[in-house]
Amino acid sequence: MKLVRFGERGNERPGLLDTDGTIRDMSGVVPDYGPESLSPALVEKLAAADLSSRPAAPAGARLGAPLNRVGHFIAIGLNYADHAAETGAPIPTEPIVFSKAPSSLSGPNDDVLIPRGAQKLDWEVELAVVIGKRCDYVGKHEALSHVFGYALCNDVSERAYQAERGGQWIKGKSAPTFGPLGPFLVTADEIADPQALGMFLDVNGQRRQTGNTATMIFSVAEIIAYLSEFMVLEPGDVITTGTPPGVGLGFKPPVFLRDGDTMHLGIDGLGEQRQTVVAR
């Protein structure tokens, strides 16, 4: 199933795509999609619903992030060897873990806002994993059974804030609109292998990133197991799992986003996003 949220910012309603791609309003079945509702029981409830009896969303309705909020927005850095190489970083021997502020969450096609004074805005197409069952010391072989679903994420980054302002990466990863998620949240049963998904990102119509989750250094299962050693993962937590090569920082000289630039990105089975970069 493909779960969406539609409507104006702050007033989104939960929806579900039917077999012909129509968004069906599910607000009579579940109040919203978020940490309080994600569970295996929700999957069963949605699967049993009669979609033909649910009203269709208005034509052209805005898509919000497929979750109303996230408990924890966790990110994995340098998880593709060729991306690590392009940034001049060594290949990690353990996952590099950082956070994005939950307030960075935004809709898949919303404008990406350049923070005031920022000069090094960058793009990163990534596979995001949404937790559906509590994870506390979960083994690698059972980790995927704790996944509610998967989504496309653009891990928007301000490289100067990330690397040149001291402290931790979170400062360059957390501005409002730096976490476009969606267009939909695909339940785990529809993704046979999260390590076999092609991905791309274009800037102003030019291909910048082409990759496949098969080339991750640490798989989704390994990441979940690893994180559960250090923290308890709860339903609604989002883990964005790293990006393939082709980010702006890796160009010589580096290429960064400017006011008016556009991004178009996608992952097999998880849909596509389109964003315009806008100065605040």
Protein backbone atom coordinates (compact mmCIF):
# COMPACT_ATOMS: atom_id res chain seq x y z
CA MET A 1 0.00 0.00 0.00
CA LYS A 2 1.00 3.59 -0.63
CA LEU A 3 0.10 5.98 2.17
CA VAL A 4 -0.08 9.71 1.50
CA ARG A 5 -1.13 12.86 3.27
CA PHE A 6 -2.80 15.59 1.25
CA GLY A 7 -4.01 19.14 1.77
CA GLU A 8 -2.65 22.51 2.75
CA ARG A 9 0.33 22.63 5.09
CA GLY A 10 -0.81 22.02 8.66
CA ASN A 11 -4.20 20.68 7.55
CA GLU A 12 -3.24 17.49 5.75
CA ARG A 13 -5.50 14.45 5.77
CA PRO A 14 -4.42 10.80 5.59
CA GLY A 15 -4.93 9.13 2.24
CA LEU A 16 -4.27 5.91 0.38
CA LEU A 17 -3.61 5.37 -3.31
CA ASP A 18 -6.08 2.96 -4.90
CA THR A 19 -5.24 0.69 -7.83
CA ASP A 20 -5.79 3.42 -10.43
CA GLY A 21 -3.71 5.99 -8.55
CA THR A 22 -6.61 7.95 -7.06
CA ILE A 23 -5.97 9.29 -3.57
CA ARG A 24 -8.71 8.07 -1.23
CA ASP A 25 -9.40 10.04 1.95
CA MET A 26 -8.81 7.70 4.90
CA SER A 27 -9.53 10.16 7.69
CA GLY A 28 -12.62 8.17 8.60
CA VAL A 29 -10.44 5.11 9.16
CA VAL A 30 -7.38 6.63 10.90
CA PRO A 31 -6.97 10.17 12.29
CA ASP A 32 -3.51 10.58 10.74
CA TYR A 33 -0.25 8.77 10.00
CA GLY A 34 2.39 9.26 12.66
CA PRO A 35 4.14 7.76 15.68
CA GLU A 36 0.85 7.17 17.48
CA SER A 37 -0.73 5.16 14.67
CA LEU A 38 1.99 3.24 12.80
CA SER A 39 1.80 -0.47 13.61
CA PRO A 40 1.14 -3.84 11.97
CA ALA A 41 -2.49 -3.41 13.05
CA LEU A 42 -2.74 -0.23 10.95
CA VAL A 43 -1.60 -2.15 7.87
CA GLU A 44 -4.33 -4.74 8.48
CA LYS A 45 -6.95 -2.04 9.05
CA LEU A 46 -6.09 -0.18 5.86
CA ALA A 47 -5.92 -3.39 3.83
CA ALA A 48 -9.43 -4.33 4.99
CA ALA A 49 -10.94 -0.93 4.16
CA ASP A 50 -13.33 -0.57 1.23
CA LEU A 51 -11.55 2.07 -0.81
CA SER A 52 -14.45 2.46 -3.23
CA SER A 53 -16.49 3.90 -0.37
CA ARG A 54 -13.85 6.46 0.58
CA PRO A 55 -14.05 9.93 -1.01
CA ALA A 56 -11.38 10.96 -3.49
CA ALA A 57 -8.99 13.79 -2.69
CA PRO A 58 -9.53 17.01 -4.64
CA ALA A 59 -7.81 17.06 -8.00
CA GLY A 60 -4.35 18.61 -7.78
CA ALA A 61 -4.26 18.48 -3.98
CA ARG A 62 -0.88 19.26 -2.45
CA LEU A 63 0.99 16.28 -1.03
CA GLY A 64 2.46 16.71 2.41
CA ALA A 65 5.05 14.47 4.03
CA PRO A 66 3.45 11.02 4.49
CA LEU A 67 3.91 11.33 8.28
CA ASN A 68 2.42 14.11 10.37
CA ARG A 69 5.61 14.18 12.44
CA VAL A 70 8.59 12.01 13.22
CA GLY A 71 9.79 10.93 16.62
CA HIS A 72 13.43 10.89 15.59
CA PHE A 73 14.87 11.80 12.18
CA ILE A 74 18.09 9.79 12.07
CA ALA A 75 20.56 9.90 9.18
CA ILE A 76 23.50 7.78 8.09
CA GLY A 77 26.48 9.53 6.51
CA LEU A 78 28.93 8.33 3.86
CA ASN A 79 27.12 5.02 3.37
CA TYR A 80 28.21 4.61 -0.26
CA ALA A 81 31.93 4.05 -0.80
CA ASP A 82 32.05 6.12 -3.99
CA HIS A 83 30.30 9.02 -2.23
CA ALA A 84 32.83 8.88 0.61
CA ALA A 85 35.61 8.98 -2.01
CA GLU A 86 34.19 12.03 -3.79
CA THR A 87 34.11 13.97 -0.52
CA GLY A 88 37.66 12.92 0.38
CA ALA A 89 36.51 10.97 3.45
CA PRO A 90 37.69 7.47 4.41
CA ILE A 91 35.26 4.58 4.02
CA PRO A 92 33.54 4.15 7.40
CA THR A 93 34.14 1.00 9.41
CA GLU A 94 30.94 1.64 11.40
CA PRO A 95 27.86 3.62 10.38
CA ILE A 96 28.23 7.39 10.77
CA VAL A 97 25.13 8.51 12.64
CA PHE A 98 23.70 12.01 12.93
CA SER A 99 20.29 13.61 13.28
CA LYS A 100 18.08 15.94 11.31
CA ALA A 101 15.70 18.13 13.29
CA PRO A 102 12.13 16.75 13.07
CA SER A 103 11.06 20.27 12.05
CA SER A 104 13.00 19.83 8.78
CA LEU A 105 10.29 17.43 7.55
CA SER A 106 8.44 18.76 4.50
CA GLY A 107 6.31 17.68 1.58
CA PRO A 108 7.88 16.02 -1.46
CA ASN A 109 7.21 18.91 -3.82
CA ASP A 110 7.38 21.85 -1.43
CA ASP A 111 9.92 24.59 -2.07
CA VAL A 112 13.33 24.10 -0.44
CA LEU A 113 14.24 27.28 1.41
CA ILE A 114 17.81 28.60 1.50
CA PRO A 115 18.67 29.72 5.03
CA ARG A 116 19.62 33.39 5.30
CA GLY A 117 23.27 33.82 4.40
CA ALA A 118 23.74 30.19 3.31
CA GLN A 119 26.05 29.66 0.32
CA LYS A 120 26.62 25.91 0.06
CA LEU A 121 23.23 24.23 -0.31
CA ASP A 122 23.51 20.64 -1.58
CA TRP A 123 21.29 17.72 -2.60
CA GLU A 124 21.24 14.03 -1.58
CA VAL A 125 18.76 11.44 -2.86
CA GLU A 126 18.26 8.77 -0.19
CA LEU A 127 16.20 5.75 0.80
CA ALA A 128 14.33 6.43 4.04
CA VAL A 129 13.13 3.69 6.37
CA VAL A 130 10.16 4.18 8.70
CA ILE A 131 10.05 2.07 11.86
CA GLY A 132 6.80 0.30 12.71
CA LYS A 133 7.73 -1.79 15.77
CA ARG A 134 9.90 -0.94 18.77
CA CYS A 135 13.55 -1.90 18.30
CA ASP A 136 15.72 -2.57 21.34
CA TYR A 137 18.82 -4.70 20.66
CA VAL A 138 17.35 -6.09 17.47
CA GLY A 139 19.45 -8.59 15.53
CA LYS A 140 20.29 -8.05 11.87
CA HIS A 141 18.24 -11.04 10.74
CA GLU A 142 15.05 -9.79 12.41
CA ALA A 143 15.58 -6.08 11.77
CA LEU A 144 13.47 -5.79 8.61
CA SER A 145 10.44 -7.21 10.41
CA HIS A 146 10.42 -3.96 12.42
CA VAL A 147 10.10 -1.77 9.32
CA PHE A 148 6.69 -0.24 8.62
CA GLY A 149 7.66 1.05 5.22
CA TYR A 150 10.00 2.96 2.94
CA ALA A 151 10.01 6.41 1.37
CA LEU A 152 12.05 8.68 -0.84
CA CYS A 153 14.01 11.39 0.99
CA ASN A 154 16.10 14.36 -0.11
CA ASP A 155 18.68 14.93 2.63
CA VAL A 156 19.16 18.60 1.84
CA SER A 157 22.40 19.89 3.34
CA GLU A 158 24.13 23.22 3.92
CA ARG A 159 27.79 22.20 3.70
CA ALA A 160 29.31 25.22 5.42
CA TYR A 161 26.97 24.78 8.40
CA GLN A 162 27.74 21.05 8.36
CA ALA A 163 31.54 21.17 8.22
CA GLU A 164 32.82 24.71 8.76
CA ARG A 165 30.88 26.02 11.75
CA GLY A 166 32.10 23.61 14.44
CA GLY A 167 30.07 21.05 16.35
CA GLN A 168 28.08 18.31 14.65
CA TRP A 169 26.53 17.74 11.22
CA ILE A 170 23.01 18.37 12.54
CA LYS A 171 23.51 22.13 12.05
CA GLY A 172 23.83 21.68 8.29
CA LYS A 173 20.98 19.20 7.98
CA SER A 174 18.10 20.66 9.95
CA ALA A 175 16.77 23.90 8.51
CA PRO A 176 13.06 24.05 7.64
CA THR A 177 12.33 22.15 4.37
CA PHE A 178 15.64 20.22 4.55
CA GLY A 179 13.76 16.91 4.88
CA PRO A 180 11.41 16.39 1.91
CA LEU A 181 9.78 12.96 2.38
CA GLY A 182 7.44 11.09 0.06
CA PRO A 183 5.40 11.38 -2.15
CA PHE A 184 4.14 8.31 -0.34
CA LEU A 185 5.08 5.85 2.36
CA VAL A 186 5.17 2.38 0.82
CA THR A 187 4.42 -0.44 3.25
CA ALA A 188 7.23 -2.94 3.68
CA ASP A 189 5.37 -5.81 2.03
CA GLU A 190 5.60 -4.00 -1.33
CA ILE A 191 9.40 -3.72 -1.30
CA ALA A 192 10.81 -7.20 -1.83
CA ASP A 193 14.42 -6.13 -1.35
CA PRO A 194 15.41 -2.67 -0.06
CA GLN A 195 18.94 -3.40 -1.31
CA ALA A 196 17.91 -3.50 -4.98
CA LEU A 197 16.45 -0.06 -5.66
CA GLY A 198 17.68 2.26 -8.38
CA MET A 199 17.83 5.97 -7.59
CA PHE A 200 18.50 9.26 -9.38
CA LEU A 201 18.58 13.02 -8.89
CA ASP A 202 18.60 15.80 -11.50
CA VAL A 203 19.36 19.49 -10.97
CA ASN A 204 17.93 21.88 -13.55
CA GLY A 205 17.29 18.92 -15.85
CA GLN A 206 20.87 17.59 -15.68
CA ARG A 207 21.53 14.18 -14.16
CA ARG A 208 23.70 14.56 -11.03
CA GLN A 209 23.18 11.31 -9.12
CA THR A 210 22.63 7.77 -10.35
CA GLY A 211 22.90 4.89 -7.91
CA ASN A 212 21.44 1.74 -6.43
CA THR A 213 20.89 0.74 -2.82
CA ALA A 214 22.79 -2.48 -3.62
CA THR A 215 26.02 -0.49 -3.22
CA MET A 216 25.36 0.63 0.35
CA ILE A 217 28.25 -0.08 2.71
CA PHE A 218 25.80 -0.93 5.51
CA SER A 219 22.44 -2.45 4.56
CA VAL A 220 19.10 -1.36 5.97
CA ALA A 221 19.04 -4.39 8.26
CA GLU A 222 22.57 -3.70 9.49
CA ILE A 223 21.75 -0.05 10.14
CA ILE A 224 18.64 -0.86 12.20
CA ALA A 225 20.48 -3.50 14.23
CA TYR A 226 23.39 -1.14 14.80
CA LEU A 227 21.24 1.79 15.90
CA SER A 228 19.28 -0.41 18.29
CA GLU A 229 22.50 -0.99 20.25
CA PHE A 230 22.66 2.70 21.11
CA MET A 231 19.03 3.80 21.25
CA VAL A 232 15.51 2.43 21.24
CA LEU A 233 13.83 2.97 17.89
CA GLU A 234 10.11 3.65 18.11
CA PRO A 235 7.25 3.58 15.58
CA GLY A 236 7.39 6.71 13.46
CA ASP A 237 11.16 7.11 13.67
CA VAL A 238 12.68 7.77 10.25
CA ILE A 239 16.15 6.63 9.20
CA THR A 240 17.54 8.08 5.99
CA THR A 241 20.30 5.78 4.84
CA GLY A 242 22.89 7.70 2.83
CA THR A 243 23.40 8.93 -0.71
CA PRO A 244 25.26 7.71 -3.81
CA PRO A 245 27.90 9.86 -5.55
CA GLY A 246 27.12 13.01 -7.49
CA VAL A 247 26.47 15.57 -4.75
CA GLY A 248 27.46 19.16 -5.38
CA LEU A 249 30.28 19.01 -2.86
CA GLY A 250 31.95 16.31 -4.93
CA PHE A 251 32.33 18.42 -8.07
CA LYS A 252 35.63 20.19 -8.76
CA PRO A 253 35.02 22.99 -8.16
CA PRO A 254 31.94 22.28 -5.99
CA VAL A 255 28.52 23.16 -7.40
CA PHE A 256 25.84 24.36 -5.01
CA LEU A 257 22.14 25.19 -5.32
CA ARG A 258 20.99 28.73 -5.97
CA ASP A 259 17.67 30.57 -5.84
CA GLY A 260 15.44 29.28 -8.66
CA ASP A 261 17.20 25.94 -9.18
CA THR A 262 15.04 22.84 -9.45
CA MET A 263 15.57 19.29 -8.22
CA HIS A 264 13.90 16.13 -9.53
CA LEU A 265 14.63 12.84 -7.78
CA GLY A 266 13.25 9.33 -7.46
CA ILE A 267 13.72 5.76 -6.26
CA ASP A 268 12.29 2.62 -7.84
CA GLY A 269 8.85 1.88 -6.37
CA LEU A 270 8.91 4.92 -4.09
CA GLY A 271 7.87 7.66 -6.48
CA GLU A 272 9.45 10.99 -7.38
CA GLN A 273 9.90 14.45 -5.91
CA ARG A 274 10.26 17.88 -7.54
CA GLN A 275 11.43 20.93 -5.62
CA THR A 276 12.29 24.53 -6.42
CA VAL A 277 14.99 26.26 -4.39
CA VAL A 278 13.85 29.60 -2.95
CA ALA A 279 15.79 32.17 -0.93
CA ARG A 280 14.19 33.06 2.40
